[in-house]
C-alpha atoms as a PDB file:
ATOM      1  CA  UNK A   1      -8.282  -2.778 -16.348  1.00  0.00           C
ATOM      2  CA  UNK A   2     -11.598  -4.604 -16.541  1.00  0.00           C
ATOM      3  CA  UNK A   3     -10.732  -7.365 -14.002  1.00  0.00           C
ATOM      4  CA  UNK A   4      -9.734  -4.782 -11.406  1.00  0.00           C
ATOM      5  CA  UNK A   5     -12.401  -2.134 -11.798  1.00  0.00           C
ATOM      6  CA  UNK A   6     -15.318  -4.005 -13.311  1.00  0.00           C
ATOM      7  CA  UNK A   7     -17.764  -2.051 -15.467  1.00  0.00           C
ATOM      8  CA  UNK A   8     -17.234   1.706 -15.328  1.00  0.00           C
ATOM      9  CA  UNK A   9     -19.350   4.451 -16.791  1.00  0.00           C
ATOM     10  CA  UNK A  10     -17.637   6.778 -19.258  1.00  0.00           C
ATOM     11  CA  UNK A  11     -18.446   9.613 -16.837  1.00  0.00           C
ATOM     12  CA  UNK A  12     -17.080   7.791 -13.802  1.00  0.00           C
ATOM     13  CA  UNK A  13     -13.628   8.957 -12.679  1.00  0.00           C
ATOM     14  CA  UNK A  14     -11.019   6.461 -11.519  1.00  0.00           C
ATOM     15  CA  UNK A  15     -10.112   8.269  -8.282  1.00  0.00           C
ATOM     16  CA  UNK A  16     -12.367  10.170  -5.888  1.00  0.00           C
ATOM     17  CA  UNK A  17     -10.599  12.612  -3.568  1.00  0.00           C
ATOM     18  CA  UNK A  18     -12.515  13.352  -0.359  1.00  0.00           C
ATOM     19  CA  UNK A  19     -11.625  16.724   1.160  1.00  0.00           C
ATOM     20  CA  UNK A  20     -13.256  18.430   4.136  1.00  0.00           C
ATOM     21  CA  UNK A  21     -12.697  22.180   4.374  1.00  0.00           C
ATOM     22  CA  UNK A  22     -13.368  24.515   7.278  1.00  0.00           C
ATOM     23  CA  UNK A  23     -12.083  28.091   7.353  1.00  0.00           C
ATOM     24  CA  UNK A  24      -9.046  27.425   5.188  1.00  0.00           C
ATOM     25  CA  UNK A  25      -9.514  30.290   2.740  1.00  0.00           C
ATOM     26  CA  UNK A  26      -5.922  31.381   3.299  1.00  0.00           C
ATOM     27  CA  UNK A  27      -4.652  28.050   1.940  1.00  0.00           C
ATOM     28  CA  UNK A  28      -7.402  26.574  -0.234  1.00  0.00           C
ATOM     29  CA  UNK A  29      -6.254  28.003  -3.574  1.00  0.00           C
ATOM     30  CA  UNK A  30      -2.735  26.631  -3.122  1.00  0.00           C
ATOM     31  CA  UNK A  31      -4.264  23.264  -2.248  1.00  0.00           C
ATOM     32  CA  UNK A  32      -6.642  23.216  -5.229  1.00  0.00           C
ATOM     33  CA  UNK A  33      -3.920  24.320  -7.617  1.00  0.00           C
ATOM     34  CA  UNK A  34      -1.798  21.374  -6.506  1.00  0.00           C
ATOM     35  CA  UNK A  35      -4.682  18.983  -7.189  1.00  0.00           C
ATOM     36  CA  UNK A  36      -5.321  20.440 -10.619  1.00  0.00           C
ATOM     37  CA  UNK A  37      -1.603  20.139 -11.407  1.00  0.00           C
ATOM     38  CA  UNK A  38      -1.678  16.333 -11.051  1.00  0.00           C
ATOM     39  CA  UNK A  39      -0.155  14.497 -13.992  1.00  0.00           C
ATOM     40  CA  UNK A  40      -2.949  11.930 -13.567  1.00  0.00           C
ATOM     41  CA  UNK A  41      -6.114  13.755 -14.544  1.00  0.00           C
ATOM     42  CA  UNK A  42      -8.966  11.228 -14.270  1.00  0.00           C
ATOM     43  CA  UNK A  43     -10.114  12.255 -10.796  1.00  0.00           C
ATOM     44  CA  UNK A  44     -12.981  13.965  -9.044  1.00  0.00           C
ATOM     45  CA  UNK A  45     -12.725  16.123  -5.951  1.00  0.00           C
ATOM     46  CA  UNK A  46     -15.540  16.079  -3.397  1.00  0.00           C
ATOM     47  CA  UNK A  47     -14.932  19.336  -1.509  1.00  0.00           C
ATOM     48  CA  UNK A  48     -17.119  19.416   1.591  1.00  0.00           C
ATOM     49  CA  UNK A  49     -17.639  22.757   3.271  1.00  0.00           C
ATOM     50  CA  UNK A  50     -17.865  22.220   7.027  1.00  0.00           C
ATOM     51  CA  UNK A  51     -19.705  25.368   8.192  1.00  0.00           C
ATOM     52  CA  UNK A  52     -16.928  27.752   7.158  1.00  0.00           C
ATOM     53  CA  UNK A  53     -17.309  31.384   8.213  1.00  0.00           C
ATOM     54  CA  UNK A  54     -14.608  32.769   5.906  1.00  0.00           C
ATOM     55  CA  UNK A  55     -14.378  32.685   2.081  1.00  0.00           C
ATOM     56  CA  UNK A  56     -13.667  28.934   1.902  1.00  0.00           C
ATOM     57  CA  UNK A  57     -16.947  27.961   0.238  1.00  0.00           C
ATOM     58  CA  UNK A  58     -16.803  30.910  -2.155  1.00  0.00           C
ATOM     59  CA  UNK A  59     -13.331  29.934  -3.327  1.00  0.00           C
ATOM     60  CA  UNK A  60     -14.282  26.266  -3.647  1.00  0.00           C
ATOM     61  CA  UNK A  61     -17.279  27.220  -5.772  1.00  0.00           C
ATOM     62  CA  UNK A  62     -15.115  29.457  -7.961  1.00  0.00           C
ATOM     63  CA  UNK A  63     -12.870  26.506  -8.802  1.00  0.00           C
ATOM     64  CA  UNK A  64     -15.860  24.185  -9.271  1.00  0.00           C
ATOM     65  CA  UNK A  65     -17.412  26.615 -11.763  1.00  0.00           C
ATOM     66  CA  UNK A  66     -14.229  26.380 -13.835  1.00  0.00           C
ATOM     67  CA  UNK A  67     -13.468  22.663 -13.405  1.00  0.00           C
ATOM     68  CA  UNK A  68     -16.310  20.105 -13.624  1.00  0.00           C
ATOM     69  CA  UNK A  69     -14.175  17.547 -11.794  1.00  0.00           C
ATOM     70  CA  UNK A  70     -14.692  19.557  -8.591  1.00  0.00           C
ATOM     71  CA  UNK A  71     -17.975  19.275  -6.707  1.00  0.00           C
ATOM     72  CA  UNK A  72     -18.765  21.383  -3.666  1.00  0.00           C
ATOM     73  CA  UNK A  73     -21.044  19.991  -0.960  1.00  0.00           C
ATOM     74  CA  UNK A  74     -22.187  21.189   2.442  1.00  0.00           C
ATOM     75  CA  UNK A  75     -21.532  18.795   5.271  1.00  0.00           C
ATOM     76  CA  UNK A  76     -24.605  17.032   6.631  1.00  0.00           C
ATOM     77  CA  UNK A  77     -23.254  17.218  10.173  1.00  0.00           C
ATOM     78  CA  UNK A  78     -20.737  19.013  12.345  1.00  0.00           C
ATOM     79  CA  UNK A  79     -16.989  18.469  12.518  1.00  0.00           C
ATOM     80  CA  UNK A  80     -14.666  16.362  10.426  1.00  0.00           C
ATOM     81  CA  UNK A  81     -16.126  12.845  10.316  1.00  0.00           C
ATOM     82  CA  UNK A  82     -19.636  13.875   9.157  1.00  0.00           C
ATOM     83  CA  UNK A  83     -17.970  15.946   6.419  1.00  0.00           C
ATOM     84  CA  UNK A  84     -16.008  12.894   5.265  1.00  0.00           C
ATOM     85  CA  UNK A  85     -19.184  10.819   5.348  1.00  0.00           C
ATOM     86  CA  UNK A  86     -20.943  13.425   3.196  1.00  0.00           C
ATOM     87  CA  UNK A  87     -18.169  13.378   0.610  1.00  0.00           C
ATOM     88  CA  UNK A  88     -17.823   9.619   0.504  1.00  0.00           C
ATOM     89  CA  UNK A  89     -21.572   9.137   0.011  1.00  0.00           C
ATOM     90  CA  UNK A  90     -21.394  11.349  -3.079  1.00  0.00           C
ATOM     91  CA  UNK A  91     -18.209   9.838  -4.535  1.00  0.00           C
ATOM     92  CA  UNK A  92     -18.334   7.774  -7.732  1.00  0.00           C
ATOM     93  CA  UNK A  93     -14.852   6.357  -8.362  1.00  0.00           C
ATOM     94  CA  UNK A  94     -13.674   2.846  -7.528  1.00  0.00           C
ATOM     95  CA  UNK A  95     -10.527   4.205  -5.858  1.00  0.00           C
ATOM     96  CA  UNK A  96     -10.554   6.594  -2.902  1.00  0.00           C
ATOM     97  CA  UNK A  97      -8.047   9.115  -1.579  1.00  0.00           C
ATOM     98  CA  UNK A  98      -8.270  11.832   1.074  1.00  0.00           C
ATOM     99  CA  UNK A  99      -6.900  15.352   1.079  1.00  0.00           C
ATOM    100  CA  UNK A 100      -6.599  18.139   3.653  1.00  0.00           C
ATOM    101  CA  UNK A 101      -7.638  21.575   2.464  1.00  0.00           C
ATOM    102  CA  UNK A 102      -4.597  23.402   3.811  1.00  0.00           C
ATOM    103  CA  UNK A 103      -1.980  21.045   2.329  1.00  0.00           C
ATOM    104  CA  UNK A 104      -0.351  20.453  -1.055  1.00  0.00           C
ATOM    105  CA  UNK A 105       0.055  17.456  -3.347  1.00  0.00           C
ATOM    106  CA  UNK A 106       3.235  16.934  -5.359  1.00  0.00           C
ATOM    107  CA  UNK A 107       2.103  16.747  -8.983  1.00  0.00           C
ATOM    108  CA  UNK A 108       2.991  13.047  -9.279  1.00  0.00           C
ATOM    109  CA  UNK A 109       1.046  11.899  -6.200  1.00  0.00           C
ATOM    110  CA  UNK A 110      -2.052  10.316  -7.750  1.00  0.00           C
ATOM    111  CA  UNK A 111      -0.174   8.676 -10.621  1.00  0.00           C
ATOM    112  CA  UNK A 112       2.438   7.124  -8.345  1.00  0.00           C
ATOM    113  CA  UNK A 113      -0.181   5.796  -5.944  1.00  0.00           C
ATOM    114  CA  UNK A 114      -2.306   4.426  -8.785  1.00  0.00           C
ATOM    115  CA  UNK A 115       0.659   2.699 -10.421  1.00  0.00           C
ATOM    116  CA  UNK A 116       1.609   1.024  -7.150  1.00  0.00           C
ATOM    117  CA  UNK A 117      -1.965   0.040  -6.280  1.00  0.00           C
ATOM    118  CA  UNK A 118      -2.524  -1.527  -9.721  1.00  0.00           C
ATOM    119  CA  UNK A 119       0.442  -3.852  -9.117  1.00  0.00           C
ATOM    120  CA  UNK A 120      -1.461  -5.453  -6.226  1.00  0.00           C
ATOM    121  CA  UNK A 121      -5.176  -4.668  -6.685  1.00  0.00           C
ATOM    122  CA  UNK A 122      -7.968  -5.238  -4.209  1.00  0.00           C
ATOM    123  CA  UNK A 123      -6.945  -6.153  -0.705  1.00  0.00           C
ATOM    124  CA  UNK A 124      -4.108  -3.638  -0.747  1.00  0.00           C
ATOM    125  CA  UNK A 125      -3.515  -0.025   0.265  1.00  0.00           C
ATOM    126  CA  UNK A 126      -0.907   2.090  -1.497  1.00  0.00           C
ATOM    127  CA  UNK A 127       0.744   4.405   1.035  1.00  0.00           C
ATOM    128  CA  UNK A 128       3.764   6.681   0.931  1.00  0.00           C
ATOM    129  CA  UNK A 129       5.759   9.277   2.806  1.00  0.00           C
ATOM    130  CA  UNK A 130       5.080  12.839   3.910  1.00  0.00           C
ATOM    131  CA  UNK A 131       6.941  16.089   4.297  1.00  0.00           C
ATOM    132  CA  UNK A 132       5.774  18.738   6.776  1.00  0.00           C
ATOM    133  CA  UNK A 133       6.286  22.417   6.083  1.00  0.00           C
ATOM    134  CA  UNK A 134       5.646  25.304   8.511  1.00  0.00           C
ATOM    135  CA  UNK A 135       2.972  27.919   7.956  1.00  0.00           C
ATOM    136  CA  UNK A 136       5.377  30.321   9.588  1.00  0.00           C
ATOM    137  CA  UNK A 137       8.652  30.097  11.511  1.00  0.00           C
ATOM    138  CA  UNK A 138      10.639  26.895  11.896  1.00  0.00           C
ATOM    139  CA  UNK A 139       9.368  23.329  11.688  1.00  0.00           C
ATOM    140  CA  UNK A 140       9.614  21.466  14.978  1.00  0.00           C
ATOM    141  CA  UNK A 141      11.885  18.462  15.418  1.00  0.00           C
ATOM    142  CA  UNK A 142       8.887  16.290  16.324  1.00  0.00           C
ATOM    143  CA  UNK A 143       7.391  16.710  12.856  1.00  0.00           C
ATOM    144  CA  UNK A 144      10.735  15.991  11.202  1.00  0.00           C
ATOM    145  CA  UNK A 145      11.046  12.785  13.228  1.00  0.00           C
ATOM    146  CA  UNK A 146       7.488  11.773  12.354  1.00  0.00           C
ATOM    147  CA  UNK A 147       8.147  12.342   8.633  1.00  0.00           C
ATOM    148  CA  UNK A 148      11.353  10.316   8.803  1.00  0.00           C
ATOM    149  CA  UNK A 149       9.558   7.504  10.642  1.00  0.00           C
ATOM    150  CA  UNK A 150       6.670   7.427   8.137  1.00  0.00           C
ATOM    151  CA  UNK A 151       9.070   7.419   5.231  1.00  0.00           C
ATOM    152  CA  UNK A 152      11.003   4.537   6.813  1.00  0.00           C
ATOM    153  CA  UNK A 153       7.769   2.563   7.209  1.00  0.00           C
ATOM    154  CA  UNK A 154       7.039   3.087   3.523  1.00  0.00           C
ATOM    155  CA  UNK A 155      10.532   1.888   2.597  1.00  0.00           C
ATOM    156  CA  UNK A 156      10.329  -1.227   4.765  1.00  0.00           C
ATOM    157  CA  UNK A 157       6.597  -2.048   4.489  1.00  0.00           C
ATOM    158  CA  UNK A 158       6.632  -2.305   8.283  1.00  0.00           C
ATOM    159  CA  UNK A 159       3.363  -0.443   8.974  1.00  0.00           C
ATOM    160  CA  UNK A 160       1.574  -3.197  10.872  1.00  0.00           C
ATOM    161  CA  UNK A 161       4.655  -4.045  12.952  1.00  0.00           C
ATOM    162  CA  UNK A 162       4.788  -0.427  14.174  1.00  0.00           C
ATOM    163  CA  UNK A 163       1.077   0.372  14.448  1.00  0.00           C
ATOM    164  CA  UNK A 164       0.999   0.722  18.251  1.00  0.00           C
ATOM    165  CA  UNK A 165       3.551   3.550  18.180  1.00  0.00           C
ATOM    166  CA  UNK A 166       1.742   6.209  16.144  1.00  0.00           C
ATOM    167  CA  UNK A 167      -0.595   6.517  13.167  1.00  0.00           C
ATOM    168  CA  UNK A 168       1.243   4.578  10.461  1.00  0.00           C
ATOM    169  CA  UNK A 169      -0.771   5.777   7.440  1.00  0.00           C
ATOM    170  CA  UNK A 170      -1.588   9.503   7.413  1.00  0.00           C
ATOM    171  CA  UNK A 171      -5.148  10.360   6.437  1.00  0.00           C
ATOM    172  CA  UNK A 172      -4.131  12.018   3.166  1.00  0.00           C
ATOM    173  CA  UNK A 173      -1.516   9.516   2.046  1.00  0.00           C
ATOM    174  CA  UNK A 174      -3.352   6.357   0.966  1.00  0.00           C
ATOM    175  CA  UNK A 175      -5.178   4.988  -2.055  1.00  0.00           C
ATOM    176  CA  UNK A 176      -7.657   2.145  -1.606  1.00  0.00           C
ATOM    177  CA  UNK A 177     -10.488   0.441  -3.475  1.00  0.00           C
ATOM    178  CA  UNK A 178     -13.871   1.435  -2.107  1.00  0.00           C
ATOM    179  CA  UNK A 179     -14.795  -2.212  -1.502  1.00  0.00           C
ATOM    180  CA  UNK A 180     -11.832  -2.497   0.868  1.00  0.00           C
ATOM    181  CA  UNK A 181     -12.628   0.848   2.480  1.00  0.00           C
ATOM    182  CA  UNK A 182     -16.191  -0.360   3.083  1.00  0.00           C
ATOM    183  CA  UNK A 183     -14.847  -3.625   4.494  1.00  0.00           C
ATOM    184  CA  UNK A 184     -12.911  -1.572   7.054  1.00  0.00           C
ATOM    185  CA  UNK A 185     -15.945   0.543   7.974  1.00  0.00           C
ATOM    186  CA  UNK A 186     -15.018   3.584   5.862  1.00  0.00           C
ATOM    187  CA  UNK A 187     -15.765   6.811   7.760  1.00  0.00           C
ATOM    188  CA  UNK A 188     -18.648   5.393   9.792  1.00  0.00           C
ATOM    189  CA  UNK A 189     -17.262   5.257  13.367  1.00  0.00           C
ATOM    190  CA  UNK A 190     -17.445   8.564  15.225  1.00  0.00           C
ATOM    191  CA  UNK A 191     -14.006   8.021  16.738  1.00  0.00           C
ATOM    192  CA  UNK A 192     -11.174  10.561  16.858  1.00  0.00           C
ATOM    193  CA  UNK A 193      -8.405  10.605  15.810  1.00  0.00           C
ATOM    194  CA  UNK A 194     -10.254   9.289  12.782  1.00  0.00           C
ATOM    195  CA  UNK A 195      -7.116   8.544  10.751  1.00  0.00           C
ATOM    196  CA  UNK A 196      -5.534   6.403  13.470  1.00  0.00           C
ATOM    197  CA  UNK A 197      -8.776   4.544  14.120  1.00  0.00           C
ATOM    198  CA  UNK A 198      -9.083   3.865  10.383  1.00  0.00           C
ATOM    199  CA  UNK A 199      -5.518   2.502  10.343  1.00  0.00           C
ATOM    200  CA  UNK A 200      -6.450   0.003  13.024  1.00  0.00           C
ATOM    201  CA  UNK A 201      -9.561  -0.979  11.060  1.00  0.00           C
ATOM    202  CA  UNK A 202      -7.417  -1.519   7.941  1.00  0.00           C
ATOM    203  CA  UNK A 203      -5.220  -3.728  10.127  1.00  0.00           C
ATOM    204  CA  UNK A 204      -8.236  -5.620  11.463  1.00  0.00           C
ATOM    205  CA  UNK A 205      -9.470  -6.168   7.899  1.00  0.00           C
ATOM    206  CA  UNK A 206      -6.072  -7.738   7.077  1.00  0.00           C
ATOM    207  CA  UNK A 207      -5.435  -5.384   4.199  1.00  0.00           C
ATOM    208  CA  UNK A 208      -1.918  -5.327   2.810  1.00  0.00           C
ATOM    209  CA  UNK A 209      -0.062  -2.011   2.945  1.00  0.00           C
ATOM    210  CA  UNK A 210       2.160  -1.464  -0.077  1.00  0.00           C
ATOM    211  CA  UNK A 211       4.737   1.161   0.817  1.00  0.00           C
ATOM    212  CA  UNK A 212       5.920   3.756  -1.698  1.00  0.00           C
ATOM    213  CA  UNK A 213       9.394   5.125  -1.027  1.00  0.00           C
ATOM    214  CA  UNK A 214       8.493   8.640  -2.081  1.00  0.00           C
ATOM    215  CA  UNK A 215       7.107  11.808  -0.498  1.00  0.00           C
ATOM    216  CA  UNK A 216       3.465  11.872  -1.574  1.00  0.00           C
ATOM    217  CA  UNK A 217       2.119  14.717   0.509  1.00  0.00           C
ATOM    218  CA  UNK A 218       3.222  18.144   1.712  1.00  0.00           C
ATOM    219  CA  UNK A 219       1.678  18.603   5.148  1.00  0.00           C
ATOM    220  CA  UNK A 220       1.211  22.115   6.563  1.00  0.00           C
ATOM    221  CA  UNK A 221       1.941  22.702  10.233  1.00  0.00           C
ATOM    222  CA  UNK A 222      -0.077  25.618  11.587  1.00  0.00           C
ATOM    223  CA  UNK A 223      -0.971  26.769  15.075  1.00  0.00           C
ATOM    224  CA  UNK A 224      -4.730  26.238  14.667  1.00  0.00           C
ATOM    225  CA  UNK A 225      -4.681  22.728  13.178  1.00  0.00           C
ATOM    226  CA  UNK A 226      -7.158  20.421  14.911  1.00  0.00           C
ATOM    227  CA  UNK A 227      -4.425  18.212  16.365  1.00  0.00           C
ATOM    228  CA  UNK A 228      -3.415  21.260  18.422  1.00  0.00           C
ATOM    229  CA  UNK A 229      -6.849  22.607  19.309  1.00  0.00           C
ATOM    230  CA  UNK A 230      -9.337  19.724  19.757  1.00  0.00           C
ATOM    231  CA  UNK A 231      -9.709  18.039  23.138  1.00  0.00           C
ATOM    232  CA  UNK A 232      -9.579  14.605  21.462  1.00  0.00           C
ATOM    233  CA  UNK A 233      -5.945  15.237  20.494  1.00  0.00           C
ATOM    234  CA  UNK A 234      -4.586  16.650  23.770  1.00  0.00           C
ATOM    235  CA  UNK A 235      -3.162  13.305  24.883  1.00  0.00           C
ATOM    236  CA  UNK A 236      -1.421  12.352  21.659  1.00  0.00           C
ATOM    237  CA  UNK A 237      -0.327   8.949  22.990  1.00  0.00           C
ATOM    238  CA  UNK A 238      -3.890   7.662  22.345  1.00  0.00           C
ATOM    239  CA  UNK A 239      -3.433   4.802  24.816  1.00  0.00           C
ATOM    240  CA  UNK A 240      -7.204   4.193  24.985  1.00  0.00           C
ATOM    241  CA  UNK A 241      -7.388   3.572  21.248  1.00  0.00           C
ATOM    242  CA  UNK A 242      -4.237   1.477  21.109  1.00  0.00           C
ATOM    243  CA  UNK A 243      -5.193  -0.722  24.038  1.00  0.00           C
ATOM    244  CA  UNK A 244      -8.712  -1.268  22.696  1.00  0.00           C
ATOM    245  CA  UNK A 245      -7.345  -2.689  19.451  1.00  0.00           C
ATOM    246  CA  UNK A 246      -4.497  -4.588  21.097  1.00  0.00           C
ATOM    247  CA  UNK A 247      -6.929  -6.435  23.363  1.00  0.00           C
ATOM    248  CA  UNK A 248      -9.231  -7.145  20.405  1.00  0.00           C
ATOM    249  CA  UNK A 249      -6.686  -8.080  17.752  1.00  0.00           C
ATOM    250  CA  UNK A 250      -3.390  -9.139  19.271  1.00  0.00           C
ATOM    251  CA  UNK A 251      -3.847 -10.193  22.872  1.00  0.00           C
ATOM    252  CA  UNK A 252      -3.474 -13.914  23.572  1.00  0.00           C
ATOM    253  CA  UNK A 253      -5.012 -14.441  27.046  1.00  0.00           C
ATOM    254  CA  UNK A 254      -3.024 -17.624  27.711  1.00  0.00           C
ATOM    255  CA  UNK A 255       0.273 -15.705  27.473  1.00  0.00           C
ATOM    256  CA  UNK A 256       1.710 -13.530  30.277  1.00  0.00           C
ATOM    257  CA  UNK A 257       1.163  -9.811  29.701  1.00  0.00           C
ATOM    258  CA  UNK A 258       3.983  -7.456  30.698  1.00  0.00           C
ATOM    259  CA  UNK A 259       4.363  -3.674  30.938  1.00  0.00           C
ATOM    260  CA  UNK A 260       7.936  -2.455  30.529  1.00  0.00           C
ATOM    261  CA  UNK A 261       8.489   0.973  32.080  1.00  0.00           C
ATOM    262  CA  UNK A 262       7.422   2.556  35.381  1.00  0.00           C
ATOM    263  CA  UNK A 263       7.437   6.222  34.456  1.00  0.00           C
ATOM    264  CA  UNK A 264       4.331   8.295  33.739  1.00  0.00           C
ATOM    265  CA  UNK A 265       3.581   6.409  30.533  1.00  0.00           C
ATOM    266  CA  UNK A 266       3.910   3.005  32.163  1.00  0.00           C
ATOM    267  CA  UNK A 267       1.700   4.098  35.048  1.00  0.00           C
ATOM    268  CA  UNK A 268      -0.987   5.457  32.731  1.00  0.00           C
ATOM    269  CA  UNK A 269      -0.949   2.243  30.717  1.00  0.00           C
ATOM    270  CA  UNK A 270      -1.128   0.179  33.924  1.00  0.00           C
ATOM    271  CA  UNK A 271      -4.199   2.098  35.052  1.00  0.00           C
ATOM    272  CA  UNK A 272      -5.906   1.403  31.741  1.00  0.00           C
ATOM    273  CA  UNK A 273      -5.148  -2.309  31.973  1.00  0.00           C
ATOM    274  CA  UNK A 274      -6.576  -2.388  35.479  1.00  0.00           C
ATOM    275  CA  UNK A 275      -9.713  -0.580  34.262  1.00  0.00           C
ATOM    276  CA  UNK A 276     -10.018  -3.252  31.581  1.00  0.00           C
ATOM    277  CA  UNK A 277      -9.595  -6.017  34.199  1.00  0.00           C
ATOM    278  CA  UNK A 278      -6.366  -7.269  32.614  1.00  0.00           C
ATOM    279  CA  UNK A 279      -3.821  -9.025  34.816  1.00  0.00           C
ATOM    280  CA  UNK A 280      -0.210  -8.129  34.030  1.00  0.00           C
ATOM    281  CA  UNK A 281       3.397  -8.234  35.183  1.00  0.00           C
ATOM    282  CA  UNK A 282       5.312  -4.970  35.489  1.00  0.00           C
ATOM    283  CA  UNK A 283       9.055  -4.609  34.939  1.00  0.00           C
ATOM    284  CA  UNK A 284      11.611  -1.809  34.871  1.00  0.00           C
ATOM    285  CA  UNK A 285      15.368  -1.294  35.146  1.00  0.00           C
ATOM    286  CA  UNK A 286      15.222   1.298  37.936  1.00  0.00           C
ATOM    287  CA  UNK A 287      16.524  -0.300  41.161  1.00  0.00           C
ATOM    288  CA  UNK A 288      14.733   2.366  43.213  1.00  0.00           C
ATOM    289  CA  UNK A 289      11.365   1.128  41.909  1.00  0.00           C
ATOM    290  CA  UNK A 290      11.896  -2.637  41.749  1.00  0.00           C
ATOM    291  CA  UNK A 291       9.994  -4.339  44.556  1.00  0.00           C
ATOM    292  CA  UNK A 292       7.597  -1.440  45.051  1.00  0.00           C
ATOM    293  CA  UNK A 293       3.839  -2.045  44.936  1.00  0.00           C
ATOM    294  CA  UNK A 294       2.083   0.327  42.546  1.00  0.00           C
ATOM    295  CA  UNK A 295      -1.670  -0.021  41.954  1.00  0.00           C
ATOM    296  CA  UNK A 296      -1.485  -3.455  43.573  1.00  0.00           C
ATOM    297  CA  UNK A 297       1.255  -4.736  41.238  1.00  0.00           C
ATOM    298  CA  UNK A 298       4.817  -5.354  42.476  1.00  0.00           C
ATOM    299  CA  UNK A 299       7.470  -4.117  40.065  1.00  0.00           C
ATOM    300  CA  UNK A 300       9.976  -6.740  38.980  1.00  0.00           C
ATOM    301  CA  UNK A 301      13.417  -6.622  37.454  1.00  0.00           C
ATOM    302  CA  UNK A 302      13.364  -6.796  33.662  1.00  0.00           C
ATOM    303  CA  UNK A 303      15.503  -9.936  33.824  1.00  0.00           C
ATOM    304  CA  UNK A 304      12.391 -11.757  35.028  1.00  0.00           C
ATOM    305  CA  UNK A 305      11.090 -11.633  31.447  1.00  0.00           C
ATOM    306  CA  UNK A 306      13.206 -14.554  30.113  1.00  0.00           C
ATOM    307  CA  UNK A 307      11.769 -16.694  32.899  1.00  0.00           C
ATOM    308  CA  UNK A 308       8.237 -16.221  31.532  1.00  0.00           C
ATOM    309  CA  UNK A 309       6.664 -18.476  28.929  1.00  0.00           C
ATOM    310  CA  UNK A 310       6.151 -16.578  25.643  1.00  0.00           C
ATOM    311  CA  UNK A 311       5.241 -13.190  27.176  1.00  0.00           C
ATOM    312  CA  UNK A 312       3.512 -10.349  25.368  1.00  0.00           C
ATOM    313  CA  UNK A 313       5.248  -7.102  26.265  1.00  0.00           C
ATOM    314  CA  UNK A 314       3.918  -3.546  26.009  1.00  0.00           C
ATOM    315  CA  UNK A 315       6.840  -1.116  26.130  1.00  0.00           C
ATOM    316  CA  UNK A 316       5.878   2.287  27.559  1.00  0.00           C
ATOM    317  CA  UNK A 317       9.270   3.987  27.203  1.00  0.00           C
ATOM    318  CA  UNK A 318       9.412   7.157  25.133  1.00  0.00           C
ATOM    319  CA  UNK A 319      13.135   7.925  24.738  1.00  0.00           C
ATOM    320  CA  UNK A 320      14.241   6.763  21.281  1.00  0.00           C
ATOM    321  CA  UNK A 321      17.711   5.666  22.446  1.00  0.00           C
ATOM    322  CA  UNK A 322      16.215   3.564  25.238  1.00  0.00           C
ATOM    323  CA  UNK A 323      13.673   2.028  22.875  1.00  0.00           C
ATOM    324  CA  UNK A 324      16.435   0.932  20.518  1.00  0.00           C
ATOM    325  CA  UNK A 325      18.388  -0.654  23.369  1.00  0.00           C
ATOM    326  CA  UNK A 326      15.245  -2.419  24.606  1.00  0.00           C
ATOM    327  CA  UNK A 327      14.504  -3.702  21.110  1.00  0.00           C
ATOM    328  CA  UNK A 328      18.004  -5.131  20.730  1.00  0.00           C
ATOM    329  CA  UNK A 329      17.762  -6.847  24.125  1.00  0.00           C
ATOM    330  CA  UNK A 330      14.365  -8.360  23.350  1.00  0.00           C
ATOM    331  CA  UNK A 331      15.551  -9.603  19.982  1.00  0.00           C
ATOM    332  CA  UNK A 332      18.451 -11.357  21.709  1.00  0.00           C
ATOM    333  CA  UNK A 333      16.009 -12.961  24.166  1.00  0.00           C
ATOM    334  CA  UNK A 334      13.739 -13.919  21.303  1.00  0.00           C
ATOM    335  CA  UNK A 335      16.407 -16.308  19.989  1.00  0.00           C
ATOM    336  CA  UNK A 336      15.739 -18.654  22.887  1.00  0.00           C
ATOM    337  CA  UNK A 337      11.971 -18.228  23.303  1.00  0.00           C
ATOM    338  CA  UNK A 338       8.926 -16.565  21.738  1.00  0.00           C
ATOM    339  CA  UNK A 339       8.829 -12.953  22.891  1.00  0.00           C
ATOM    340  CA  UNK A 340       6.091 -10.750  21.451  1.00  0.00           C
ATOM    341  CA  UNK A 341       6.669  -7.034  22.027  1.00  0.00           C
ATOM    342  CA  UNK A 342       5.064  -3.772  20.949  1.00  0.00           C
ATOM    343  CA  UNK A 343       6.021  -0.193  21.615  1.00  0.00           C
ATOM    344  CA  UNK A 344       3.206   1.901  23.101  1.00  0.00           C
ATOM    345  CA  UNK A 345       4.648   5.403  22.704  1.00  0.00           C
END
């Protein structure tokens, strides 16, 4: 292990788990029990209390008093990112993982991630699948689809190809060397959703995602989770974030830029491109819209795409069946010319 980790103190754990906790007393013991049940035991947990008003801190301290691997800290700021910054600053291990205080780990999680990461070493991120479970009632179809999609990414190692659809590496489902995390900016940017922004920064840092075809995290769906209650998450398409990174990392100005889709999503994306002073073509398959001028751009028939020279296409169509048909059509066009497409959905 020396070439990978360098010199380690005897008291230095191999994995630091960063966990922010705010008013999760109803779930925190189940979460902590799942961490303590890990078959891999050389870890530390940085549990950061983020101004809880229930028994969260009391319960964290109870576990810390019984298990020296658990350290309880008070966040040095407000909300999630400052809590993560507080925990990371106090962490000691070469490898970093995150955890949510209302979720559960399968007992093999850390060992499986470590084994996979060690096969590749620095420059890589070990990432796996998730499984949502409801706090009460039935789990929605959207969460089931998201789990299935994440698990498929892990099977195919296709994270970077799909990054403009949704967050491809959940916040609690990766293991990375701290040097690589620092290279990507760690938890420094005050940007929400922080997990999706971090994914894009991993992508920008050209880190390799190593998928693990296994459920590595049990993710609780509850009515008061921040993705349901914070303003930053109300528009869960995150077009602003996606377009920012597309223009920085993947846009080739010499190539034609195309929006595919003239519904609400296409219109919202068009407005953002206009705000960013980006010229673009706009296509759709709706004959009632073709030829119309919207925001100063005339909509064209999608069959104009093969006439363009190596276009870059942003597909703003949400229906899964339509997306699959579009993908098949673009792949057939791609046999005769370079077509670069990404789903913004």
